[in-house]
C-alpha atoms as a PDB file:
ATOM      1  CA  MET A   1     -33.743  49.701  16.414  1.00  0.00           C
ATOM      2  CA  GLN A   2     -36.174  47.560  14.459  1.00  0.00           C
ATOM      3  CA  SER A   3     -34.621  48.662  11.076  1.00  0.00           C
ATOM      4  CA  ASN A   4     -31.241  47.684  12.233  1.00  0.00           C
ATOM      5  CA  PHE A   5     -32.414  44.351  13.308  1.00  0.00           C
ATOM      6  CA  ARG A   6     -34.051  43.670   9.974  1.00  0.00           C
ATOM      7  CA  MET A   7     -30.754  44.723   8.129  1.00  0.00           C
ATOM      8  CA  THR A   8     -28.945  42.177  10.342  1.00  0.00           C
ATOM      9  CA  GLU A   9     -31.344  39.451   9.316  1.00  0.00           C
ATOM     10  CA  ARG A  10     -30.952  40.276   5.643  1.00  0.00           C
ATOM     11  CA  GLU A  11     -27.092  40.123   5.708  1.00  0.00           C
ATOM     12  CA  TRP A  12     -27.226  36.323   5.360  1.00  0.00           C
ATOM     13  CA  ILE A  13     -29.215  34.152   2.894  1.00  0.00           C
ATOM     14  CA  ARG A  14     -29.576  30.417   2.325  1.00  0.00           C
ATOM     15  CA  THR A  15     -28.607  29.369  -1.130  1.00  0.00           C
ATOM     16  CA  SER A  16     -30.437  25.956  -1.107  1.00  0.00           C
ATOM     17  CA  MET A  17     -33.409  24.404   0.655  1.00  0.00           C
ATOM     18  CA  ARG A  18     -31.210  21.542   1.892  1.00  0.00           C
ATOM     19  CA  THR A  19     -31.270  20.704   5.644  1.00  0.00           C
ATOM     20  CA  PRO A  20     -28.043  21.932   7.263  1.00  0.00           C
ATOM     21  CA  GLY A  21     -25.609  19.234   8.136  1.00  0.00           C
ATOM     22  CA  ILE A  22     -25.562  19.924  11.912  1.00  0.00           C
ATOM     23  CA  LEU A  23     -29.293  19.277  12.213  1.00  0.00           C
ATOM     24  CA  ILE A  24     -29.110  16.161  10.143  1.00  0.00           C
ATOM     25  CA  PHE A  25     -26.286  14.847  12.409  1.00  0.00           C
ATOM     26  CA  GLY A  26     -28.234  15.671  15.541  1.00  0.00           C
ATOM     27  CA  MET A  27     -31.382  14.146  14.344  1.00  0.00           C
ATOM     28  CA  VAL A  28     -29.594  10.942  13.435  1.00  0.00           C
ATOM     29  CA  MET A  29     -27.401  10.492  16.511  1.00  0.00           C
ATOM     30  CA  ALA A  30     -30.281  11.214  19.003  1.00  0.00           C
ATOM     31  CA  PRO A  31     -32.530   8.202  18.056  1.00  0.00           C
ATOM     32  CA  CYS A  32     -29.550   5.877  17.806  1.00  0.00           C
ATOM     33  CA  GLY A  33     -28.399   6.973  21.372  1.00  0.00           C
ATOM     34  CA  TRP A  34     -31.988   6.530  22.688  1.00  0.00           C
ATOM     35  CA  ILE A  35     -32.231   3.093  21.424  1.00  0.00           C
ATOM     36  CA  LEU A  36     -28.898   2.050  23.007  1.00  0.00           C
ATOM     37  CA  ASN A  37     -29.842   3.631  26.223  1.00  0.00           C
ATOM     38  CA  LEU A  38     -33.283   1.781  26.239  1.00  0.00           C
ATOM     39  CA  VAL A  39     -31.471  -1.508  25.880  1.00  0.00           C
ATOM     40  CA  THR A  40     -29.019  -0.531  28.716  1.00  0.00           C
ATOM     41  CA  THR A  41     -31.895   0.338  30.969  1.00  0.00           C
ATOM     42  CA  VAL A  42     -33.971  -2.710  30.438  1.00  0.00           C
ATOM     43  CA  ALA A  43     -31.433  -5.536  29.887  1.00  0.00           C
ATOM     44  CA  PRO A  44     -30.239  -7.296  33.076  1.00  0.00           C
ATOM     45  CA  ASN A  45     -26.494  -7.366  32.302  1.00  0.00           C
ATOM     46  CA  TRP A  46     -24.783  -4.505  33.925  1.00  0.00           C
ATOM     47  CA  ARG A  47     -22.236  -7.009  35.446  1.00  0.00           C
ATOM     48  CA  THR A  48     -21.917 -10.762  35.647  1.00  0.00           C
ATOM     49  CA  LEU A  49     -20.905 -13.026  38.532  1.00  0.00           C
ATOM     50  CA  GLN A  50     -19.018 -16.329  38.023  1.00  0.00           C
ATOM     51  CA  GLY A  51     -17.107 -18.839  39.927  1.00  0.00           C
ATOM     52  CA  PHE A  52     -19.488 -19.619  42.794  1.00  0.00           C
ATOM     53  CA  THR A  53     -18.483 -21.970  45.681  1.00  0.00           C
ATOM     54  CA  ASN A  54     -21.910 -23.472  46.025  1.00  0.00           C
ATOM     55  CA  LEU A  55     -23.203 -23.598  42.439  1.00  0.00           C
ATOM     56  CA  PRO A  56     -22.118 -25.425  39.252  1.00  0.00           C
ATOM     57  CA  PRO A  57     -19.132 -24.006  37.446  1.00  0.00           C
ATOM     58  CA  ASP A  58     -21.171 -23.175  34.366  1.00  0.00           C
ATOM     59  CA  ARG A  59     -23.650 -21.043  36.153  1.00  0.00           C
ATOM     60  CA  VAL A  60     -23.624 -17.226  35.641  1.00  0.00           C
ATOM     61  CA  ILE A  61     -25.587 -14.556  37.444  1.00  0.00           C
ATOM     62  CA  GLU A  62     -26.394 -11.388  35.344  1.00  0.00           C
ATOM     63  CA  GLN A  63     -27.397  -8.361  37.294  1.00  0.00           C
ATOM     64  CA  GLY A  64     -29.121  -5.227  36.090  1.00  0.00           C
ATOM     65  CA  ILE A  65     -30.765  -2.292  37.607  1.00  0.00           C
ATOM     66  CA  PHE A  66     -34.264  -3.622  37.308  1.00  0.00           C
ATOM     67  CA  ASP A  67     -33.791  -7.472  37.240  1.00  0.00           C
ATOM     68  CA  ILE A  68     -31.464 -10.266  38.001  1.00  0.00           C
ATOM     69  CA  CYS A  69     -31.183 -13.536  35.859  1.00  0.00           C
ATOM     70  CA  ILE A  70     -29.440 -16.732  36.353  1.00  0.00           C
ATOM     71  CA  ALA A  71     -28.045 -18.323  33.100  1.00  0.00           C
ATOM     72  CA  SER A  72     -25.792 -21.190  32.153  1.00  0.00           C
ATOM     73  CA  THR A  73     -22.875 -21.187  29.620  1.00  0.00           C
ATOM     74  CA  ALA A  74     -23.987 -24.566  28.404  1.00  0.00           C
ATOM     75  CA  THR A  75     -27.604 -23.659  27.587  1.00  0.00           C
ATOM     76  CA  GLU A  76     -29.447 -20.412  26.542  1.00  0.00           C
ATOM     77  CA  ARG A  77     -32.138 -20.638  29.094  1.00  0.00           C
ATOM     78  CA  GLN A  78     -32.329 -17.867  31.751  1.00  0.00           C
ATOM     79  CA  GLN A  79     -34.242 -17.729  35.012  1.00  0.00           C
ATOM     80  CA  CYS A  80     -35.106 -14.130  35.654  1.00  0.00           C
ATOM     81  CA  ASN A  81     -36.875 -12.288  38.374  1.00  0.00           C
ATOM     82  CA  GLN A  82     -34.420 -13.359  41.062  1.00  0.00           C
ATOM     83  CA  LYS A  83     -34.562 -11.787  44.507  1.00  0.00           C
ATOM     84  CA  ASP A  84     -31.422 -10.117  45.928  1.00  0.00           C
ATOM     85  CA  THR A  85     -32.317  -7.555  48.620  1.00  0.00           C
ATOM     86  CA  ALA A  86     -28.628  -6.745  49.374  1.00  0.00           C
ATOM     87  CA  TYR A  87     -27.924  -5.819  45.771  1.00  0.00           C
ATOM     88  CA  PHE A  88     -31.066  -3.710  45.168  1.00  0.00           C
ATOM     89  CA  SER A  89     -30.360  -1.872  48.402  1.00  0.00           C
ATOM     90  CA  ASN A  90     -27.293  -0.269  47.084  1.00  0.00           C
ATOM     91  CA  ASN A  91     -27.552   3.505  46.541  1.00  0.00           C
ATOM     92  CA  ILE A  92     -26.128   3.237  42.926  1.00  0.00           C
ATOM     93  CA  ILE A  93     -28.976   0.969  41.871  1.00  0.00           C
ATOM     94  CA  ASN A  94     -31.632   3.409  42.795  1.00  0.00           C
ATOM     95  CA  ILE A  95     -29.775   6.380  41.480  1.00  0.00           C
ATOM     96  CA  ALA A  96     -29.066   4.581  38.169  1.00  0.00           C
ATOM     97  CA  LYS A  97     -32.778   3.849  37.814  1.00  0.00           C
ATOM     98  CA  GLY A  98     -33.883   7.401  38.162  1.00  0.00           C
ATOM     99  CA  MET A  99     -31.248   8.893  35.881  1.00  0.00           C
ATOM    100  CA  MET A 100     -31.676   6.333  33.202  1.00  0.00           C
ATOM    101  CA  LEU A 101     -35.364   6.827  32.980  1.00  0.00           C
ATOM    102  CA  ALA A 102     -34.886  10.584  33.141  1.00  0.00           C
ATOM    103  CA  SER A 103     -32.571  10.351  30.293  1.00  0.00           C
ATOM    104  CA  LEU A 104     -34.915   8.428  28.097  1.00  0.00           C
ATOM    105  CA  ILE A 105     -37.656  10.923  28.760  1.00  0.00           C
ATOM    106  CA  VAL A 106     -35.583  14.029  28.121  1.00  0.00           C
ATOM    107  CA  THR A 107     -34.326  12.511  24.874  1.00  0.00           C
ATOM    108  CA  LEU A 108     -37.809  12.064  23.620  1.00  0.00           C
ATOM    109  CA  ILE A 109     -38.707  15.556  24.612  1.00  0.00           C
ATOM    110  CA  GLY A 110     -35.545  16.889  22.758  1.00  0.00           C
ATOM    111  CA  ILE A 111     -36.415  14.919  19.535  1.00  0.00           C
ATOM    112  CA  ALA A 112     -40.114  16.220  19.710  1.00  0.00           C
ATOM    113  CA  VAL A 113     -38.835  19.860  20.119  1.00  0.00           C
ATOM    114  CA  ALA A 114     -36.315  19.322  17.124  1.00  0.00           C
ATOM    115  CA  ILE A 115     -38.917  18.202  14.632  1.00  0.00           C
ATOM    116  CA  PRO A 116     -40.753  21.507  14.248  1.00  0.00           C
ATOM    117  CA  GLY A 117     -37.504  23.429  14.559  1.00  0.00           C
ATOM    118  CA  VAL A 118     -35.639  21.640  11.780  1.00  0.00           C
ATOM    119  CA  ARG A 119     -38.581  21.474   9.233  1.00  0.00           C
ATOM    120  CA  CYS A 120     -36.605  20.978   6.118  1.00  0.00           C
ATOM    121  CA  TRP A 121     -39.485  22.230   3.851  1.00  0.00           C
ATOM    122  CA  ARG A 122     -39.199  25.842   5.311  1.00  0.00           C
ATOM    123  CA  ALA A 123     -37.050  28.487   3.891  1.00  0.00           C
ATOM    124  CA  ARG A 124     -35.021  28.792   7.106  1.00  0.00           C
ATOM    125  CA  PRO A 125     -34.952  26.540  10.216  1.00  0.00           C
ATOM    126  CA  GLN A 126     -35.952  27.944  13.571  1.00  0.00           C
ATOM    127  CA  TRP A 127     -32.544  28.031  15.050  1.00  0.00           C
ATOM    128  CA  ALA A 128     -33.721  28.972  18.553  1.00  0.00           C
ATOM    129  CA  ILE A 129     -35.887  25.911  18.829  1.00  0.00           C
ATOM    130  CA  CYS A 130     -33.173  23.663  17.356  1.00  0.00           C
ATOM    131  CA  THR A 131     -30.719  25.013  20.054  1.00  0.00           C
ATOM    132  CA  VAL A 132     -33.199  24.079  22.845  1.00  0.00           C
ATOM    133  CA  ALA A 133     -33.620  20.705  21.364  1.00  0.00           C
ATOM    134  CA  GLY A 134     -29.792  20.386  21.235  1.00  0.00           C
ATOM    135  CA  VAL A 135     -29.343  21.319  24.807  1.00  0.00           C
ATOM    136  CA  LEU A 136     -31.997  18.773  25.940  1.00  0.00           C
ATOM    137  CA  ILE A 137     -30.363  15.969  23.967  1.00  0.00           C
ATOM    138  CA  PHE A 138     -26.944  16.909  25.277  1.00  0.00           C
ATOM    139  CA  CYS A 139     -28.288  16.735  28.898  1.00  0.00           C
ATOM    140  CA  SER A 140     -29.959  13.417  28.286  1.00  0.00           C
ATOM    141  CA  GLY A 141     -26.499  12.025  27.250  1.00  0.00           C
ATOM    142  CA  VAL A 142     -24.901  13.281  30.372  1.00  0.00           C
ATOM    143  CA  LEU A 143     -27.696  11.629  32.512  1.00  0.00           C
ATOM    144  CA  THR A 144     -26.758   8.391  30.877  1.00  0.00           C
ATOM    145  CA  ILE A 145     -23.030   8.655  31.330  1.00  0.00           C
ATOM    146  CA  ILE A 146     -23.008   9.566  34.897  1.00  0.00           C
ATOM    147  CA  PRO A 147     -24.660   6.410  36.349  1.00  0.00           C
ATOM    148  CA  VAL A 148     -22.880   4.076  33.815  1.00  0.00           C
ATOM    149  CA  ALA A 149     -19.510   5.611  34.868  1.00  0.00           C
ATOM    150  CA  TRP A 150     -20.279   5.550  38.492  1.00  0.00           C
ATOM    151  CA  TYR A 151     -21.416   1.966  38.482  1.00  0.00           C
ATOM    152  CA  THR A 152     -18.216   0.898  36.505  1.00  0.00           C
ATOM    153  CA  HIS A 153     -16.116   2.747  39.140  1.00  0.00           C
ATOM    154  CA  ILE A 154     -17.552   0.785  42.141  1.00  0.00           C
ATOM    155  CA  LEU A 155     -18.179  -2.479  40.218  1.00  0.00           C
ATOM    156  CA  GLN A 156     -16.270  -4.557  42.756  1.00  0.00           C
ATOM    157  CA  ASP A 157     -17.825  -2.755  45.815  1.00  0.00           C
ATOM    158  CA  ILE A 158     -21.462  -3.381  44.979  1.00  0.00           C
ATOM    159  CA  THR A 159     -22.686  -5.784  47.626  1.00  0.00           C
ATOM    160  CA  THR A 160     -24.792  -8.911  46.895  1.00  0.00           C
ATOM    161  CA  SER A 161     -26.250 -11.746  48.824  1.00  0.00           C
ATOM    162  CA  THR A 162     -24.449 -14.307  46.533  1.00  0.00           C
ATOM    163  CA  GLN A 163     -20.786 -15.055  47.290  1.00  0.00           C
ATOM    164  CA  ARG A 164     -18.709 -14.742  44.098  1.00  0.00           C
ATOM    165  CA  ILE A 165     -15.251 -14.995  42.907  1.00  0.00           C
ATOM    166  CA  ASP A 166     -15.204 -13.381  39.503  1.00  0.00           C
ATOM    167  CA  VAL A 167     -16.939 -10.081  38.593  1.00  0.00           C
ATOM    168  CA  ARG A 168     -17.014  -9.001  35.124  1.00  0.00           C
ATOM    169  CA  VAL A 169     -18.464  -5.879  33.212  1.00  0.00           C
ATOM    170  CA  GLY A 170     -21.704  -6.646  31.287  1.00  0.00           C
ATOM    171  CA  TYR A 171     -22.609  -5.463  27.826  1.00  0.00           C
ATOM    172  CA  CYS A 172     -25.003  -2.885  29.135  1.00  0.00           C
ATOM    173  CA  ILE A 173     -22.123  -0.759  30.334  1.00  0.00           C
ATOM    174  CA  VAL A 174     -20.596  -0.635  26.850  1.00  0.00           C
ATOM    175  CA  LEU A 175     -23.990   0.076  25.276  1.00  0.00           C
ATOM    176  CA  GLY A 176     -24.612   2.786  27.724  1.00  0.00           C
ATOM    177  CA  TYR A 177     -21.212   4.611  27.064  1.00  0.00           C
ATOM    178  CA  ILE A 178     -21.929   4.440  23.350  1.00  0.00           C
ATOM    179  CA  GLY A 179     -25.500   5.683  23.560  1.00  0.00           C
ATOM    180  CA  GLY A 180     -24.491   8.451  25.935  1.00  0.00           C
ATOM    181  CA  ILE A 181     -21.614   9.641  23.816  1.00  0.00           C
ATOM    182  CA  PHE A 182     -24.011   9.635  20.644  1.00  0.00           C
ATOM    183  CA  GLU A 183     -26.456  11.937  22.484  1.00  0.00           C
ATOM    184  CA  VAL A 184     -23.799  14.395  23.711  1.00  0.00           C
ATOM    185  CA  LEU A 185     -22.234  14.572  20.350  1.00  0.00           C
ATOM    186  CA  GLY A 186     -25.673  14.980  18.571  1.00  0.00           C
ATOM    187  CA  GLY A 187     -27.013  17.589  21.015  1.00  0.00           C
ATOM    188  CA  PHE A 188     -23.770  19.572  21.005  1.00  0.00           C
ATOM    189  CA  VAL A 189     -23.529  19.751  17.187  1.00  0.00           C
ATOM    190  CA  MET A 190     -27.253  20.673  17.018  1.00  0.00           C
ATOM    191  CA  ALA A 191     -26.786  23.442  19.506  1.00  0.00           C
ATOM    192  CA  LEU A 192     -23.915  24.998  17.468  1.00  0.00           C
ATOM    193  CA  GLY A 193     -26.642  26.464  15.182  1.00  0.00           C
ATOM    194  CA  TRP A 194     -27.164  29.201  17.839  1.00  0.00           C
ATOM    195  CA  CYS A 195     -24.317  31.176  16.685  1.00  0.00           C
ATOM    196  CA  ARG A 196     -23.105  31.733  13.033  1.00  0.00           C
ATOM    197  CA  CYS A 197     -19.601  30.533  12.613  1.00  0.00           C
ATOM    198  CA  CYS A 198     -17.100  29.613   9.837  1.00  0.00           C
ATOM    199  CA  GLY A 199     -18.617  32.265   7.624  1.00  0.00           C
ATOM    200  CA  GLY A 200     -22.150  30.777   7.937  1.00  0.00           C
ATOM    201  CA  LYS A 201     -21.269  27.357   6.785  1.00  0.00           C
ATOM    202  CA  ASN A 202     -22.589  25.655   9.898  1.00  0.00           C
ATOM    203  CA  ARG A 203     -26.086  27.091   8.949  1.00  0.00           C
ATOM    204  CA  GLY A 204     -25.616  26.649   5.201  1.00  0.00           C
ATOM    205  CA  GLU A 205     -25.826  30.368   4.660  1.00  0.00           C
ATOM    206  CA  ARG A 206     -23.771  32.967   2.722  1.00  0.00           C
ATOM    207  CA  PRO A 207     -23.461  36.721   3.019  1.00  0.00           C
ATOM    208  CA  ILE A 208     -26.072  38.443   0.804  1.00  0.00           C
ATOM    209  CA  GLU A 209     -23.473  40.768  -0.590  1.00  0.00           C
ATOM    210  CA  GLN A 210     -21.396  37.810  -1.798  1.00  0.00           C
ATOM    211  CA  VAL A 211     -24.417  36.175  -3.461  1.00  0.00           C
ATOM    212  CA  LEU A 212     -25.473  39.341  -5.130  1.00  0.00           C
ATOM    213  CA  GLY A 213     -22.009  40.114  -6.106  1.00  0.00           C
ATOM    214  CA  SER A 214     -21.636  36.822  -7.836  1.00  0.00           C
ATOM    215  CA  ARG A 215     -24.867  37.161  -9.746  1.00  0.00           C
ATOM    216  CA  SER A 216     -24.092  40.654 -10.959  1.00  0.00           C
ATOM    217  CA  GLN A 217     -20.711  39.748 -12.602  1.00  0.00           C
ATOM    218  CA  PRO A 218     -21.013  39.170 -16.276  1.00  0.00           C
ATOM    219  CA  GLN A 219     -20.506  35.694 -17.447  1.00  0.00           C
ATOM    220  CA  ARG A 220     -17.332  35.113 -19.331  1.00  0.00           C
ATOM    221  CA  THR A 221     -17.926  33.825 -22.850  1.00  0.00           C
ATOM    222  CA  PRO A 222     -15.814  30.919 -23.696  1.00  0.00           C
ATOM    223  CA  ARG A 223     -12.740  31.656 -25.931  1.00  0.00           C
ATOM    224  CA  ARG A 224     -12.775  30.226 -29.349  1.00  0.00           C
ATOM    225  CA  VAL A 225      -9.675  28.532 -30.552  1.00  0.00           C
ATOM    226  CA  ASP A 226      -9.292  27.556 -34.131  1.00  0.00           C
ATOM    227  CA  VAL A 227      -7.462  24.191 -34.363  1.00  0.00           C
ATOM    228  CA  PRO A 228      -5.868  23.684 -37.864  1.00  0.00           C
ATOM    229  CA  SER A 229      -7.065  20.664 -39.623  1.00  0.00           C
ATOM    230  CA  LEU A 230      -4.537  17.790 -39.801  1.00  0.00           C
ATOM    231  CA  THR A 231      -5.953  16.491 -43.144  1.00  0.00           C
ATOM    232  CA  PRO A 232      -4.637  18.733 -46.082  1.00  0.00           C
ATOM    233  CA  THR A 233      -7.003  19.836 -48.844  1.00  0.00           C
ATOM    234  CA  ARG A 234      -6.582  18.822 -52.454  1.00  0.00           C
ATOM    235  CA  SER A 235      -5.393  22.269 -53.458  1.00  0.00           C
ATOM    236  CA  GLY A 236      -2.968  22.475 -50.626  1.00  0.00           C
ATOM    237  CA  ALA A 237      -1.546  19.226 -51.372  1.00  0.00           C
ATOM    238  CA  ALA A 238      -1.102  20.089 -55.037  1.00  0.00           C
ATOM    239  CA  SER A 239       0.497  23.422 -54.238  1.00  0.00           C
ATOM    240  CA  SER A 240       3.066  21.884 -51.970  1.00  0.00           C
ATOM    241  CA  ILE A 241       4.457  19.848 -54.982  1.00  0.00           C
ATOM    242  CA  PRO A 242       7.038  21.449 -57.116  1.00  0.00           C
ATOM    243  CA  GLU A 243       6.027  22.453 -60.593  1.00  0.00           C
ATOM    244  CA  SER A 244       8.366  20.093 -62.298  1.00  0.00           C
ATOM    245  CA  ASN A 245       7.057  17.071 -60.348  1.00  0.00           C
ATOM    246  CA  ARG A 246       3.360  17.883 -60.804  1.00  0.00           C
ATOM    247  CA  TYR A 247       1.104  15.672 -62.979  1.00  0.00           C
ATOM    248  CA  SER A 248      -2.368  15.703 -63.876  1.00  0.00           C
ATOM    249  CA  LEU A 249      -4.680  13.724 -61.856  1.00  0.00           C
ATOM    250  CA  ASP A 250      -6.527  12.731 -65.040  1.00  0.00           C
ATOM    251  CA  ASP A 251      -3.321  11.061 -66.542  1.00  0.00           C
ATOM    252  CA  ASP A 252      -3.267   7.325 -66.697  1.00  0.00           C
ATOM    253  CA  VAL A 253      -0.424   6.302 -64.606  1.00  0.00           C
ATOM    254  CA  SER A 254       0.431   2.629 -64.890  1.00  0.00           C
ATOM    255  CA  PHE A 255       1.861   0.696 -62.109  1.00  0.00           C
ATOM    256  CA  PRO A 256       3.221  -2.871 -63.007  1.00  0.00           C
ATOM    257  CA  ARG A 257       1.766  -4.380 -59.840  1.00  0.00           C
ATOM    258  CA  ALA A 258      -1.588  -2.933 -60.357  1.00  0.00           C
ATOM    259  CA  LYS A 259      -1.985  -4.319 -63.886  1.00  0.00           C
ATOM    260  CA  SER A 260      -4.576  -6.849 -64.347  1.00  0.00           C
ATOM    261  CA  PRO A 261      -3.679 -10.350 -65.799  1.00  0.00           C
ATOM    262  CA  ALA A 262      -5.183  -9.264 -69.337  1.00  0.00           C
ATOM    263  CA  ALA A 263      -2.910  -6.160 -69.333  1.00  0.00           C
ATOM    264  CA  ARG A 264       0.120  -8.125 -68.417  1.00  0.00           C
ATOM    265  CA  SER A 265      -0.648 -10.612 -71.280  1.00  0.00           C
ATOM    266  CA  GLY A 266      -0.847  -7.666 -73.677  1.00  0.00           C
ATOM    267  CA  LEU A 267       2.528  -6.262 -72.736  1.00  0.00           C
ATOM    268  CA  SER A 268       4.086  -9.776 -73.327  1.00  0.00           C
ATOM    269  CA  ASN A 269       2.600  -9.817 -76.918  1.00  0.00           C
ATOM    270  CA  PRO A 270       2.654  -6.202 -78.220  1.00  0.00           C
ATOM    271  CA  SER A 271       0.581  -5.457 -81.239  1.00  0.00           C
ATOM    272  CA  PHE A 272       0.321  -2.582 -83.705  1.00  0.00           C
ATOM    273  CA  ASN A 273      -3.079  -1.642 -85.289  1.00  0.00           C
ATOM    274  CA  GLY A 274      -4.452  -5.018 -84.242  1.00  0.00           C
ATOM    275  CA  LYS A 275      -1.477  -7.085 -85.734  1.00  0.00           C
ATOM    276  CA  PRO A 276       1.302  -8.653 -83.917  1.00  0.00           C
ATOM    277  CA  TYR A 277       4.365  -6.423 -83.787  1.00  0.00           C
ATOM    278  CA  ASP A 278       7.623  -7.865 -84.989  1.00  0.00           C
ATOM    279  CA  ALA A 279      10.807  -6.365 -83.538  1.00  0.00           C
ATOM    280  CA  ASP A 280      12.932  -7.443 -86.636  1.00  0.00           C
ATOM    281  CA  LEU A 281      10.798  -5.223 -88.709  1.00  0.00           C
END
């Protein structure tokens, strides 16, 4: 049984020391989702209230799960730590507090577990530990999406001590959705390392028979192709000229346009043995 297990382990081999892409994806998405969820938990902007009957028209109340602030559209000043017993007595507020805090803690635990499992300096990642980390990160994303979606569903029904007319979704809801989706995707992809699929590509592995077979095949030598020279040689150029039209390269061939001025003057006054030549003679 032990020998068969070892043979199963030796059937696959990593061809490089690079960290598999699924682990890189999970280790990037998890911290990004954790930061977004932290802002969602702390920031007091799960919903905004506007259009009050007894307050100025530019007054806005921002409600979160831990704090309530009063702001104004004309200035950037905020007055936080506002009391609203009716708002904080809703069940969704207490549930959202517990689930968001649990999500932050579980994400940190998942990242801490994933670090020794990934270990890019090892020959092979510890896939069992990476799978556990992926499941934890996935669960933390679910813990974020549940209270955010529930709060959005009953947004108009959440009671408050202030009479309002206009209720709008705050930016924390958007950040909560994005952070939760990041963690769900990162944890799911990281957990895919538990099984070997797509021919081992998810783990960055290849069958050992395929690797050994590619190494045992002889390398093909490049084929040599002789390309004829486009510049003809001197002997070849001479042989291509007919025998009757050949001339010696040492012959003095005179071209009228190539004559110097002195030569042209000599042709106009021909001489014989140093004396002027008379055509009448």
